PDB file of N, CA and C in Angstrom:
ATOM      1  N   MET A   1      12.258 -11.667  -8.903  1.00  0.00           N
ATOM      2  CA  MET A   1      11.645 -11.482 -10.203  1.00  0.00           C
ATOM      3  C   MET A   1      10.147 -11.730 -10.141  1.00  0.00           C
ATOM      4  N   ALA A   2       9.752 -12.769  -9.396  1.00  0.00           N
ATOM      5  CA  ALA A   2       8.327 -13.089  -9.279  1.00  0.00           C
ATOM      6  C   ALA A   2       7.573 -11.957  -8.598  1.00  0.00           C
ATOM      7  N   ALA A   3       8.209 -11.304  -7.609  1.00  0.00           N
ATOM      8  CA  ALA A   3       7.555 -10.183  -6.926  1.00  0.00           C
ATOM      9  C   ALA A   3       7.331  -9.021  -7.884  1.00  0.00           C
ATOM     10  N   VAL A   4       8.255  -8.801  -8.788  1.00  0.00           N
ATOM     11  CA  VAL A   4       8.121  -7.720  -9.773  1.00  0.00           C
ATOM     12  C   VAL A   4       6.962  -8.008 -10.722  1.00  0.00           C
ATOM     13  N   VAL A   5       6.838  -9.253 -11.149  1.00  0.00           N
ATOM     14  CA  VAL A   5       5.737  -9.646 -12.034  1.00  0.00           C
ATOM     15  C   VAL A   5       4.414  -9.488 -11.299  1.00  0.00           C
ATOM     16  N   LYS A   6       4.358  -9.918 -10.038  1.00  0.00           N
ATOM     17  CA  LYS A   6       3.133  -9.773  -9.246  1.00  0.00           C
ATOM     18  C   LYS A   6       2.769  -8.301  -9.080  1.00  0.00           C
ATOM     19  N   LEU A   7       3.779  -7.474  -8.816  1.00  0.00           N
ATOM     20  CA  LEU A   7       3.526  -6.048  -8.642  1.00  0.00           C
ATOM     21  C   LEU A   7       2.997  -5.432  -9.932  1.00  0.00           C
ATOM     22  N   ALA A   8       3.566  -5.814 -11.068  1.00  0.00           N
ATOM     23  CA  ALA A   8       3.094  -5.290 -12.356  1.00  0.00           C
ATOM     24  C   ALA A   8       1.651  -5.704 -12.618  1.00  0.00           C
ATOM     25  N   CYS A   9       1.327  -6.955 -12.313  1.00  0.00           N
ATOM     26  CA  CYS A   9      -0.056  -7.432 -12.477  1.00  0.00           C
ATOM     27  C   CYS A   9      -0.986  -6.692 -11.532  1.00  0.00           C
ATOM     28  N   LEU A  10      -0.510  -6.447 -10.321  1.00  0.00           N
ATOM     29  CA  LEU A  10      -1.304  -5.733  -9.337  1.00  0.00           C
ATOM     30  C   LEU A  10      -1.611  -4.314  -9.798  1.00  0.00           C
ATOM     31  N   VAL A  11      -0.620  -3.629 -10.310  1.00  0.00           N
ATOM     32  CA  VAL A  11      -0.827  -2.273 -10.805  1.00  0.00           C
ATOM     33  C   VAL A  11      -1.882  -2.272 -11.907  1.00  0.00           C
ATOM     34  N   LEU A  12      -1.778  -3.183 -12.836  1.00  0.00           N
ATOM     35  CA  LEU A  12      -2.755  -3.269 -13.921  1.00  0.00           C
ATOM     36  C   LEU A  12      -4.143  -3.567 -13.374  1.00  0.00           C
ATOM     37  N   ALA A  13      -4.239  -4.495 -12.436  1.00  0.00           N
ATOM     38  CA  ALA A  13      -5.543  -4.834 -11.853  1.00  0.00           C
ATOM     39  C   ALA A  13      -6.147  -3.642 -11.128  1.00  0.00           C
ATOM     40  N   CYS A  14      -5.324  -2.894 -10.405  1.00  0.00           N
ATOM     41  CA  CYS A  14      -5.827  -1.709  -9.693  1.00  0.00           C
ATOM     42  C   CYS A  14      -6.365  -0.665 -10.662  1.00  0.00           C
ATOM     43  N   VAL A  15      -5.666  -0.449 -11.733  1.00  0.00           N
ATOM     44  CA  VAL A  15      -6.107   0.538 -12.720  1.00  0.00           C
ATOM     45  C   VAL A  15      -7.440   0.125 -13.319  1.00  0.00           C
ATOM     46  N   ILE A  16      -7.585  -1.146 -13.629  1.00  0.00           N
ATOM     47  CA  ILE A  16      -8.813  -1.634 -14.258  1.00  0.00           C
ATOM     48  C   ILE A  16      -9.976  -1.657 -13.278  1.00  0.00           C
ATOM     49  N   VAL A  17      -9.748  -2.180 -12.065  1.00  0.00           N
ATOM     50  CA  VAL A  17     -10.827  -2.371 -11.104  1.00  0.00           C
ATOM     51  C   VAL A  17     -11.159  -1.097 -10.335  1.00  0.00           C
ATOM     52  N   ALA A  18     -10.158  -0.417  -9.834  1.00  0.00           N
ATOM     53  CA  ALA A  18     -10.416   0.721  -8.950  1.00  0.00           C
ATOM     54  C   ALA A  18     -10.614   2.029  -9.686  1.00  0.00           C
ATOM     55  N   GLY A  19     -10.189   2.122 -10.882  1.00  0.00           N
ATOM     56  CA  GLY A  19     -10.302   3.373 -11.623  1.00  0.00           C
ATOM     57  C   GLY A  19     -11.685   3.973 -11.645  1.00  0.00           C
ATOM     58  N   PRO A  20     -12.716   3.228 -12.031  1.00  0.00           N
ATOM     59  CA  PRO A  20     -14.050   3.805 -12.120  1.00  0.00           C
ATOM     60  C   PRO A  20     -14.661   4.209 -10.782  1.00  0.00           C
ATOM     61  N   ILE A  21     -14.220   3.612  -9.664  1.00  0.00           N
ATOM     62  CA  ILE A  21     -14.852   3.916  -8.385  1.00  0.00           C
ATOM     63  C   ILE A  21     -14.098   4.961  -7.583  1.00  0.00           C
ATOM     64  N   THR A  22     -13.100   5.575  -8.150  1.00  0.00           N
ATOM     65  CA  THR A  22     -12.276   6.507  -7.386  1.00  0.00           C
ATOM     66  C   THR A  22     -12.314   7.913  -7.956  1.00  0.00           C
ATOM     67  N   SER A  23     -13.445   8.319  -8.465  1.00  0.00           N
ATOM     68  CA  SER A  23     -13.515   9.620  -9.114  1.00  0.00           C
ATOM     69  C   SER A  23     -13.213  10.771  -8.162  1.00  0.00           C
ATOM     70  N   ASN A  24     -13.440  10.606  -6.839  1.00  0.00           N
ATOM     71  CA  ASN A  24     -13.167  11.666  -5.883  1.00  0.00           C
ATOM     72  C   ASN A  24     -11.753  11.611  -5.341  1.00  0.00           C
ATOM     73  N   ALA A  25     -11.053  10.545  -5.597  1.00  0.00           N
ATOM     74  CA  ALA A  25      -9.702  10.387  -5.076  1.00  0.00           C
ATOM     75  C   ALA A  25      -8.669  10.786  -6.117  1.00  0.00           C
ATOM     76  N   ALA A  26      -7.695  11.537  -5.670  1.00  0.00           N
ATOM     77  CA  ALA A  26      -6.617  11.943  -6.571  1.00  0.00           C
ATOM     78  C   ALA A  26      -5.559  10.848  -6.684  1.00  0.00           C
ATOM     79  N   LEU A  27      -5.464  10.001  -5.675  1.00  0.00           N
ATOM     80  CA  LEU A  27      -4.475   8.924  -5.688  1.00  0.00           C
ATOM     81  C   LEU A  27      -4.945   7.767  -6.555  1.00  0.00           C
ATOM     82  N   THR A  28      -4.009   7.165  -7.242  1.00  0.00           N
ATOM     83  CA  THR A  28      -4.301   5.959  -8.009  1.00  0.00           C
ATOM     84  C   THR A  28      -3.527   4.807  -7.381  1.00  0.00           C
ATOM     85  N   CYS A  29      -3.947   3.593  -7.686  1.00  0.00           N
ATOM     86  CA  CYS A  29      -3.209   2.431  -7.174  1.00  0.00           C
ATOM     87  C   CYS A  29      -1.795   2.405  -7.756  1.00  0.00           C
ATOM     88  N   GLY A  30      -1.621   2.899  -8.956  1.00  0.00           N
ATOM     89  CA  GLY A  30      -0.276   2.973  -9.529  1.00  0.00           C
ATOM     90  C   GLY A  30       0.636   3.828  -8.673  1.00  0.00           C
ATOM     91  N   THR A  31       0.119   4.972  -8.207  1.00  0.00           N
ATOM     92  CA  THR A  31       0.890   5.865  -7.343  1.00  0.00           C
ATOM     93  C   THR A  31       1.177   5.195  -6.007  1.00  0.00           C
ATOM     94  N   VAL A  32       0.163   4.575  -5.434  1.00  0.00           N
ATOM     95  CA  VAL A  32       0.336   3.886  -4.148  1.00  0.00           C
ATOM     96  C   VAL A  32       1.378   2.787  -4.296  1.00  0.00           C
ATOM     97  N   ASN A  33       1.216   1.959  -5.315  1.00  0.00           N
ATOM     98  CA  ASN A  33       2.127   0.827  -5.507  1.00  0.00           C
ATOM     99  C   ASN A  33       3.556   1.274  -5.759  1.00  0.00           C
ATOM    100  N   SER A  34       3.731   2.322  -6.535  1.00  0.00           N
ATOM    101  CA  SER A  34       5.095   2.771  -6.811  1.00  0.00           C
ATOM    102  C   SER A  34       5.758   3.303  -5.543  1.00  0.00           C
ATOM    103  N   ASN A  35       4.976   3.874  -4.640  1.00  0.00           N
ATOM    104  CA  ASN A  35       5.542   4.395  -3.400  1.00  0.00           C
ATOM    105  C   ASN A  35       5.871   3.311  -2.381  1.00  0.00           C
ATOM    106  N   VAL A  36       5.194   2.181  -2.459  1.00  0.00           N
ATOM    107  CA  VAL A  36       5.475   1.105  -1.496  1.00  0.00           C
ATOM    108  C   VAL A  36       6.233  -0.068  -2.118  1.00  0.00           C
ATOM    109  N   ALA A  37       6.592   0.035  -3.370  1.00  0.00           N
ATOM    110  CA  ALA A  37       7.287  -1.065  -4.058  1.00  0.00           C
ATOM    111  C   ALA A  37       8.568  -1.485  -3.343  1.00  0.00           C
ATOM    112  N   ALA A  38       9.276  -0.529  -2.771  1.00  0.00           N
ATOM    113  CA  ALA A  38      10.531  -0.850  -2.082  1.00  0.00           C
ATOM    114  C   ALA A  38      10.303  -1.642  -0.800  1.00  0.00           C
ATOM    115  N   CYS A  39       9.059  -1.745  -0.367  1.00  0.00           N
ATOM    116  CA  CYS A  39       8.724  -2.475   0.870  1.00  0.00           C
ATOM    117  C   CYS A  39       8.459  -3.956   0.626  1.00  0.00           C
ATOM    118  N   ILE A  40       8.245  -4.356  -0.619  1.00  0.00           N
ATOM    119  CA  ILE A  40       7.818  -5.724  -0.930  1.00  0.00           C
ATOM    120  C   ILE A  40       8.799  -6.773  -0.402  1.00  0.00           C
ATOM    121  N   GLY A  41      10.073  -6.602  -0.652  1.00  0.00           N
ATOM    122  CA  GLY A  41      11.068  -7.575  -0.190  1.00  0.00           C
ATOM    123  C   GLY A  41      11.061  -7.713   1.320  1.00  0.00           C
ATOM    124  N   TYR A  42      10.937  -6.604   2.027  1.00  0.00           N
ATOM    125  CA  TYR A  42      10.889  -6.640   3.496  1.00  0.00           C
ATOM    126  C   TYR A  42       9.634  -7.365   3.969  1.00  0.00           C
ATOM    127  N   ILE A  43       8.494  -7.072   3.342  1.00  0.00           N
ATOM    128  CA  ILE A  43       7.230  -7.686   3.745  1.00  0.00           C
ATOM    129  C   ILE A  43       7.249  -9.199   3.522  1.00  0.00           C
ATOM    130  N   THR A  44       7.845  -9.622   2.425  1.00  0.00           N
ATOM    131  CA  THR A  44       7.801 -11.039   2.081  1.00  0.00           C
ATOM    132  C   THR A  44       8.977 -11.848   2.626  1.00  0.00           C
ATOM    133  N   GLN A  45      10.145 -11.208   2.790  1.00  0.00           N
ATOM    134  CA  GLN A  45      11.336 -11.957   3.170  1.00  0.00           C
ATOM    135  C   GLN A  45      11.980 -11.501   4.468  1.00  0.00           C
ATOM    136  N   GLY A  46      11.586 -10.341   4.975  1.00  0.00           N
ATOM    137  CA  GLY A  46      12.189  -9.836   6.209  1.00  0.00           C
ATOM    138  C   GLY A  46      13.495  -9.116   5.940  1.00  0.00           C
ATOM    139  N   GLY A  47      14.363  -9.120   6.932  1.00  0.00           N
ATOM    140  CA  GLY A  47      15.635  -8.433   6.809  1.00  0.00           C
ATOM    141  C   GLY A  47      15.525  -6.994   7.282  1.00  0.00           C
ATOM    142  N   THR A  48      16.383  -6.170   6.733  1.00  0.00           N
ATOM    143  CA  THR A  48      16.423  -4.761   7.097  1.00  0.00           C
ATOM    144  C   THR A  48      15.392  -3.982   6.288  1.00  0.00           C
ATOM    145  N   LEU A  49      14.674  -3.118   6.965  1.00  0.00           N
ATOM    146  CA  LEU A  49      13.683  -2.276   6.306  1.00  0.00           C
ATOM    147  C   LEU A  49      14.415  -1.250   5.440  1.00  0.00           C
ATOM    148  N   PRO A  50      14.182  -1.279   4.125  1.00  0.00           N
ATOM    149  CA  PRO A  50      14.897  -0.344   3.242  1.00  0.00           C
ATOM    150  C   PRO A  50      14.494   1.112   3.478  1.00  0.00           C
ATOM    151  N   ARG A  51      15.468   1.980   3.427  1.00  0.00           N
ATOM    152  CA  ARG A  51      15.227   3.419   3.550  1.00  0.00           C
ATOM    153  C   ARG A  51      14.239   3.879   2.489  1.00  0.00           C
ATOM    154  N   ALA A  52      14.334   3.332   1.275  1.00  0.00           N
ATOM    155  CA  ALA A  52      13.429   3.706   0.185  1.00  0.00           C
ATOM    156  C   ALA A  52      11.980   3.362   0.519  1.00  0.00           C
ATOM    157  N   CYS A  53      11.782   2.320   1.298  1.00  0.00           N
ATOM    158  CA  CYS A  53      10.433   1.951   1.732  1.00  0.00           C
ATOM    159  C   CYS A  53       9.878   3.058   2.616  1.00  0.00           C
ATOM    160  N   CYS A  54      10.647   3.477   3.597  1.00  0.00           N
ATOM    161  CA  CYS A  54      10.204   4.541   4.505  1.00  0.00           C
ATOM    162  C   CYS A  54       9.982   5.851   3.752  1.00  0.00           C
ATOM    163  N   THR A  55      10.837   6.139   2.808  1.00  0.00           N
ATOM    164  CA  THR A  55      10.666   7.347   1.999  1.00  0.00           C
ATOM    165  C   THR A  55       9.345   7.288   1.246  1.00  0.00           C
ATOM    166  N   GLY A  56       9.058   6.142   0.652  1.00  0.00           N
ATOM    167  CA  GLY A  56       7.814   5.972  -0.101  1.00  0.00           C
ATOM    168  C   GLY A  56       6.585   6.050   0.784  1.00  0.00           C
ATOM    169  N   VAL A  57       6.639   5.426   1.959  1.00  0.00           N
ATOM    170  CA  VAL A  57       5.512   5.449   2.891  1.00  0.00           C
ATOM    171  C   VAL A  57       5.261   6.881   3.361  1.00  0.00           C
ATOM    172  N   SER A  58       6.327   7.588   3.667  1.00  0.00           N
ATOM    173  CA  SER A  58       6.200   8.979   4.103  1.00  0.00           C
ATOM    174  C   SER A  58       5.615   9.852   2.990  1.00  0.00           C
ATOM    175  N   LYS A  59       6.100   9.670   1.780  1.00  0.00           N
ATOM    176  CA  LYS A  59       5.606  10.434   0.638  1.00  0.00           C
ATOM    177  C   LYS A  59       4.125  10.129   0.388  1.00  0.00           C
ATOM    178  N   LEU A  60       3.770   8.859   0.429  1.00  0.00           N
ATOM    179  CA  LEU A  60       2.379   8.449   0.217  1.00  0.00           C
ATOM    180  C   LEU A  60       1.478   9.039   1.293  1.00  0.00           C
ATOM    181  N   ASN A  61       1.921   9.008   2.533  1.00  0.00           N
ATOM    182  CA  ASN A  61       1.133   9.565   3.630  1.00  0.00           C
ATOM    183  C   ASN A  61       0.891  11.061   3.414  1.00  0.00           C
ATOM    184  N   GLY A  62       1.883  11.754   2.887  1.00  0.00           N
ATOM    185  CA  GLY A  62       1.733  13.185   2.605  1.00  0.00           C
ATOM    186  C   GLY A  62       0.784  13.465   1.451  1.00  0.00           C
ATOM    187  N   MET A  63       0.700  12.539   0.505  1.00  0.00           N
ATOM    188  CA  MET A  63      -0.192  12.720  -0.650  1.00  0.00           C
ATOM    189  C   MET A  63      -1.643  12.411  -0.306  1.00  0.00           C
ATOM    190  N   ALA A  64      -1.866  11.564   0.691  1.00  0.00           N
ATOM    191  CA  ALA A  64      -3.227  11.140   1.053  1.00  0.00           C
ATOM    192  C   ALA A  64      -3.817  12.137   2.047  1.00  0.00           C
ATOM    193  N   ARG A  65      -4.191  13.300   1.550  1.00  0.00           N
ATOM    194  CA  ARG A  65      -4.650  14.384   2.427  1.00  0.00           C
ATOM    195  C   ARG A  65      -6.152  14.376   2.671  1.00  0.00           C
ATOM    196  N   SER A  66      -6.915  13.874   1.741  1.00  0.00           N
ATOM    197  CA  SER A  66      -8.374  13.886   1.884  1.00  0.00           C
ATOM    198  C   SER A  66      -8.884  12.496   2.272  1.00  0.00           C
ATOM    199  N   THR A  67     -10.113  12.450   2.766  1.00  0.00           N
ATOM    200  CA  THR A  67     -10.724  11.166   3.113  1.00  0.00           C
ATOM    201  C   THR A  67     -10.780  10.234   1.903  1.00  0.00           C
ATOM    202  N   PRO A  68     -11.228  10.702   0.705  1.00  0.00           N
ATOM    203  CA  PRO A  68     -11.230   9.797  -0.454  1.00  0.00           C
ATOM    204  C   PRO A  68      -9.840   9.272  -0.798  1.00  0.00           C
ATOM    205  N   ASP A  69      -8.818  10.113  -0.654  1.00  0.00           N
ATOM    206  CA  ASP A  69      -7.452   9.665  -0.940  1.00  0.00           C
ATOM    207  C   ASP A  69      -6.999   8.606   0.057  1.00  0.00           C
ATOM    208  N   ARG A  70      -7.300   8.809   1.342  1.00  0.00           N
ATOM    209  CA  ARG A  70      -6.905   7.821   2.353  1.00  0.00           C
ATOM    210  C   ARG A  70      -7.661   6.508   2.149  1.00  0.00           C
ATOM    211  N   GLN A  71      -8.935   6.595   1.805  1.00  0.00           N
ATOM    212  CA  GLN A  71      -9.708   5.382   1.540  1.00  0.00           C
ATOM    213  C   GLN A  71      -9.163   4.650   0.318  1.00  0.00           C
ATOM    214  N   GLN A  72      -8.792   5.405  -0.710  1.00  0.00           N
ATOM    215  CA  GLN A  72      -8.224   4.794  -1.912  1.00  0.00           C
ATOM    216  C   GLN A  72      -6.880   4.142  -1.601  1.00  0.00           C
ATOM    217  N   ALA A  73      -6.036   4.823  -0.830  1.00  0.00           N
ATOM    218  CA  ALA A  73      -4.741   4.248  -0.444  1.00  0.00           C
ATOM    219  C   ALA A  73      -4.960   2.945   0.323  1.00  0.00           C
ATOM    220  N   CYS A  74      -5.930   2.940   1.212  1.00  0.00           N
ATOM    221  CA  CYS A  74      -6.260   1.742   1.983  1.00  0.00           C
ATOM    222  C   CYS A  74      -6.657   0.604   1.046  1.00  0.00           C
ATOM    223  N   ARG A  75      -7.545   0.879   0.102  1.00  0.00           N
ATOM    224  CA  ARG A  75      -7.995  -0.166  -0.840  1.00  0.00           C
ATOM    225  C   ARG A  75      -6.828  -0.692  -1.677  1.00  0.00           C
ATOM    226  N   CYS A  76      -5.997   0.213  -2.135  1.00  0.00           N
ATOM    227  CA  CYS A  76      -4.851  -0.199  -2.958  1.00  0.00           C
ATOM    228  C   CYS A  76      -3.883  -1.065  -2.154  1.00  0.00           C
ATOM    229  N   LEU A  77      -3.636  -0.684  -0.910  1.00  0.00           N
ATOM    230  CA  LEU A  77      -2.746  -1.477  -0.062  1.00  0.00           C
ATOM    231  C   LEU A  77      -3.334  -2.856   0.207  1.00  0.00           C
ATOM    232  N   GLN A  78      -4.643  -2.930   0.387  1.00  0.00           N
ATOM    233  CA  GLN A  78      -5.277  -4.232   0.594  1.00  0.00           C
ATOM    234  C   GLN A  78      -5.161  -5.102  -0.657  1.00  0.00           C
ATOM    235  N   THR A  79      -5.352  -4.495  -1.815  1.00  0.00           N
ATOM    236  CA  THR A  79      -5.228  -5.244  -3.071  1.00  0.00           C
ATOM    237  C   THR A  79      -3.791  -5.741  -3.242  1.00  0.00           C
ATOM    238  N   ALA A  80      -2.845  -4.875  -2.926  1.00  0.00           N
ATOM    239  CA  ALA A  80      -1.429  -5.256  -3.035  1.00  0.00           C
ATOM    240  C   ALA A  80      -1.108  -6.395  -2.076  1.00  0.00           C
ATOM    241  N   ALA A  81      -1.625  -6.305  -0.863  1.00  0.00           N
ATOM    242  CA  ALA A  81      -1.383  -7.360   0.123  1.00  0.00           C
ATOM    243  C   ALA A  81      -1.990  -8.680  -0.337  1.00  0.00           C
ATOM    244  N   SER A  82      -3.186  -8.621  -0.888  1.00  0.00           N
ATOM    245  CA  SER A  82      -3.839  -9.841  -1.384  1.00  0.00           C
ATOM    246  C   SER A  82      -3.047 -10.473  -2.518  1.00  0.00           C
ATOM    247  N   ALA A  83      -2.445  -9.645  -3.353  1.00  0.00           N
ATOM    248  CA  ALA A  83      -1.664 -10.155  -4.481  1.00  0.00           C
ATOM    249  C   ALA A  83      -0.426 -10.921  -4.014  1.00  0.00           C
ATOM    250  N   LEU A  84       0.065 -10.596  -2.822  1.00  0.00           N
ATOM    251  CA  LEU A  84       1.235 -11.298  -2.297  1.00  0.00           C
ATOM    252  C   LEU A  84       0.878 -12.686  -1.789  1.00  0.00           C
ATOM    253  N   GLY A  85      -0.410 -12.914  -1.536  1.00  0.00           N
ATOM    254  CA  GLY A  85      -0.877 -14.236  -1.115  1.00  0.00           C
ATOM    255  C   GLY A  85      -0.159 -14.734   0.121  1.00  0.00           C
ATOM    256  N   PRO A  86       0.270 -15.994   0.089  1.00  0.00           N
ATOM    257  CA  PRO A  86       0.895 -16.588   1.272  1.00  0.00           C
ATOM    258  C   PRO A  86       2.275 -15.999   1.581  1.00  0.00           C
ATOM    259  N   ASN A  87       2.836 -15.221   0.660  1.00  0.00           N
ATOM    260  CA  ASN A  87       4.134 -14.586   0.910  1.00  0.00           C
ATOM    261  C   ASN A  87       4.012 -13.367   1.816  1.00  0.00           C
ATOM    262  N   LEU A  88       2.788 -12.892   2.039  1.00  0.00           N
ATOM    263  CA  LEU A  88       2.555 -11.716   2.866  1.00  0.00           C
ATOM    264  C   LEU A  88       2.835 -12.030   4.329  1.00  0.00           C
ATOM    265  N   ASN A  89       3.662 -11.223   4.961  1.00  0.00           N
ATOM    266  CA  ASN A  89       3.846 -11.274   6.401  1.00  0.00           C
ATOM    267  C   ASN A  89       3.091 -10.063   6.944  1.00  0.00           C
ATOM    268  N   ALA A  90       1.866 -10.295   7.404  1.00  0.00           N
ATOM    269  CA  ALA A  90       0.976  -9.211   7.825  1.00  0.00           C
ATOM    270  C   ALA A  90       1.566  -8.394   8.971  1.00  0.00           C
ATOM    271  N   GLY A  91       2.268  -9.037   9.866  1.00  0.00           N
ATOM    272  CA  GLY A  91       2.876  -8.328  10.991  1.00  0.00           C
ATOM    273  C   GLY A  91       3.936  -7.333  10.539  1.00  0.00           C
ATOM    274  N   ARG A  92       4.791  -7.755   9.611  1.00  0.00           N
ATOM    275  CA  ARG A  92       5.807  -6.830   9.092  1.00  0.00           C
ATOM    276  C   ARG A  92       5.150  -5.678   8.351  1.00  0.00           C
ATOM    277  N   ALA A  93       4.134  -5.981   7.532  1.00  0.00           N
ATOM    278  CA  ALA A  93       3.441  -4.935   6.778  1.00  0.00           C
ATOM    279  C   ALA A  93       2.803  -3.923   7.728  1.00  0.00           C
ATOM    280  N   ALA A  94       2.126  -4.403   8.757  1.00  0.00           N
ATOM    281  CA  ALA A  94       1.454  -3.519   9.710  1.00  0.00           C
ATOM    282  C   ALA A  94       2.443  -2.653  10.490  1.00  0.00           C
ATOM    283  N   GLY A  95       3.646  -3.163  10.702  1.00  0.00           N
ATOM    284  CA  GLY A  95       4.636  -2.446  11.491  1.00  0.00           C
ATOM    285  C   GLY A  95       5.458  -1.424  10.730  1.00  0.00           C
ATOM    286  N   ILE A  96       5.322  -1.382   9.422  1.00  0.00           N
ATOM    287  CA  ILE A  96       6.141  -0.464   8.623  1.00  0.00           C
ATOM    288  C   ILE A  96       5.952   1.000   9.002  1.00  0.00           C
ATOM    289  N   PRO A  97       4.724   1.505   9.111  1.00  0.00           N
ATOM    290  CA  PRO A  97       4.597   2.934   9.451  1.00  0.00           C
ATOM    291  C   PRO A  97       5.322   3.307  10.742  1.00  0.00           C
ATOM    292  N   LYS A  98       5.141   2.511  11.800  1.00  0.00           N
ATOM    293  CA  LYS A  98       5.805   2.807  13.077  1.00  0.00           C
ATOM    294  C   LYS A  98       7.322   2.734  12.932  1.00  0.00           C
ATOM    295  N   ALA A  99       7.798   1.691  12.242  1.00  0.00           N
ATOM    296  CA  ALA A  99       9.244   1.531  12.051  1.00  0.00           C
ATOM    297  C   ALA A  99       9.839   2.697  11.267  1.00  0.00           C
ATOM    298  N   CYS A 100       9.019   3.301  10.403  1.00  0.00           N
ATOM    299  CA  CYS A 100       9.475   4.436   9.595  1.00  0.00           C
ATOM    300  C   CYS A 100       9.216   5.777  10.277  1.00  0.00           C
ATOM    301  N   GLY A 101       8.546   5.755  11.427  1.00  0.00           N
ATOM    302  CA  GLY A 101       8.238   6.996  12.126  1.00  0.00           C
ATOM    303  C   GLY A 101       7.147   7.802  11.436  1.00  0.00           C
ATOM    304  N   VAL A 102       6.233   7.110  10.762  1.00  0.00           N
ATOM    305  CA  VAL A 102       5.150   7.770  10.033  1.00  0.00           C
ATOM    306  C   VAL A 102       3.828   7.416  10.710  1.00  0.00           C
ATOM    307  N   SER A 103       3.032   8.431  11.007  1.00  0.00           N
ATOM    308  CA  SER A 103       1.722   8.205  11.608  1.00  0.00           C
ATOM    309  C   SER A 103       0.680   8.079  10.507  1.00  0.00           C
ATOM    310  N   VAL A 104       0.160   6.876  10.320  1.00  0.00           N
ATOM    311  CA  VAL A 104      -0.842   6.598   9.289  1.00  0.00           C
ATOM    312  C   VAL A 104      -2.208   6.538   9.980  1.00  0.00           C
ATOM    313  N   PRO A 105      -3.229   7.199   9.415  1.00  0.00           N
ATOM    314  CA  PRO A 105      -4.520   7.293  10.105  1.00  0.00           C
ATOM    315  C   PRO A 105      -5.399   6.047  10.048  1.00  0.00           C
ATOM    316  N   PHE A 106      -4.847   4.923   9.647  1.00  0.00           N
ATOM    317  CA  PHE A 106      -5.605   3.675   9.658  1.00  0.00           C
ATOM    318  C   PHE A 106      -4.622   2.517   9.788  1.00  0.00           C
ATOM    319  N   PRO A 107      -5.071   1.391  10.362  1.00  0.00           N
ATOM    320  CA  PRO A 107      -4.167   0.247  10.485  1.00  0.00           C
ATOM    321  C   PRO A 107      -3.894  -0.396   9.126  1.00  0.00           C
ATOM    322  N   ILE A 108      -2.657  -0.765   8.890  1.00  0.00           N
ATOM    323  CA  ILE A 108      -2.281  -1.442   7.656  1.00  0.00           C
ATOM    324  C   ILE A 108      -2.618  -2.913   7.850  1.00  0.00           C
ATOM    325  N   SER A 109      -3.761  -3.315   7.316  1.00  0.00           N
ATOM    326  CA  SER A 109      -4.247  -4.674   7.506  1.00  0.00           C
ATOM    327  C   SER A 109      -5.209  -5.035   6.391  1.00  0.00           C
ATOM    328  N   THR A 110      -5.237  -6.297   6.040  1.00  0.00           N
ATOM    329  CA  THR A 110      -6.189  -6.755   5.012  1.00  0.00           C
ATOM    330  C   THR A 110      -7.619  -6.739   5.551  1.00  0.00           C
ATOM    331  N   SER A 111      -7.779  -6.610   6.870  1.00  0.00           N
ATOM    332  CA  SER A 111      -9.124  -6.594   7.451  1.00  0.00           C
ATOM    333  C   SER A 111      -9.646  -5.197   7.771  1.00  0.00           C
ATOM    334  N   THR A 112      -8.866  -4.161   7.459  1.00  0.00           N
ATOM    335  CA  THR A 112      -9.321  -2.787   7.693  1.00  0.00           C
ATOM    336  C   THR A 112     -10.525  -2.491   6.813  1.00  0.00           C
ATOM    337  N   ASN A 113     -11.549  -1.876   7.394  1.00  0.00           N
ATOM    338  CA  ASN A 113     -12.702  -1.434   6.617  1.00  0.00           C
ATOM    339  C   ASN A 113     -12.338  -0.081   6.014  1.00  0.00           C
ATOM    340  N   CYS A 114     -11.931  -0.088   4.769  1.00  0.00           N
ATOM    341  CA  CYS A 114     -11.459   1.131   4.117  1.00  0.00           C
ATOM    342  C   CYS A 114     -12.545   2.204   4.011  1.00  0.00           C
ATOM    343  N   ASN A 115     -13.812   1.796   3.990  1.00  0.00           N
ATOM    344  CA  ASN A 115     -14.892   2.772   3.938  1.00  0.00           C
ATOM    345  C   ASN A 115     -15.012   3.588   5.219  1.00  0.00           C
ATOM    346  N   SER A 116     -14.472   3.062   6.331  1.00  0.00           N
ATOM    347  CA  SER A 116     -14.545   3.781   7.599  1.00  0.00           C
ATOM    348  C   SER A 116     -13.332   4.684   7.818  1.00  0.00           C
ATOM    349  N   VAL A 117     -12.348   4.635   6.941  1.00  0.00           N
ATOM    350  CA  VAL A 117     -11.163   5.456   7.070  1.00  0.00           C
ATOM    351  C   VAL A 117     -11.535   6.912   6.836  1.00  0.00           C
ATOM    352  N   LYS A 118     -11.141   7.773   7.714  1.00  0.00           N
ATOM    353  CA  LYS A 118     -11.429   9.208   7.595  1.00  0.00           C
ATOM    354  C   LYS A 118     -10.176   9.923   7.308  1.00  0.00           C
TER     355      LYS A 118
END
């Protein structure tokens, strides 16, 4: 339940903070978050990687076709990771694309420079 509340707060924060700076990006943090929402339990608690997580990651990767979209997805993922705080398992989060068989053009990390993502 707490993860759902955090995710809802995160979506609202992304809309408020990132909205004005993403005029060239078609992706919104709401879209990014809804596609990776099924991954939250795996990232924070481990266990089996849900099929819905891989479906969402694959779908999100397909939507992020332009450089602005990929940069926006990167920023949204970083914001989402920060919202998880100490519950974030960075190793599990970083390993999701490979585990899902999805090639993502940037490392999933809170230290990724999203401005350098092409």
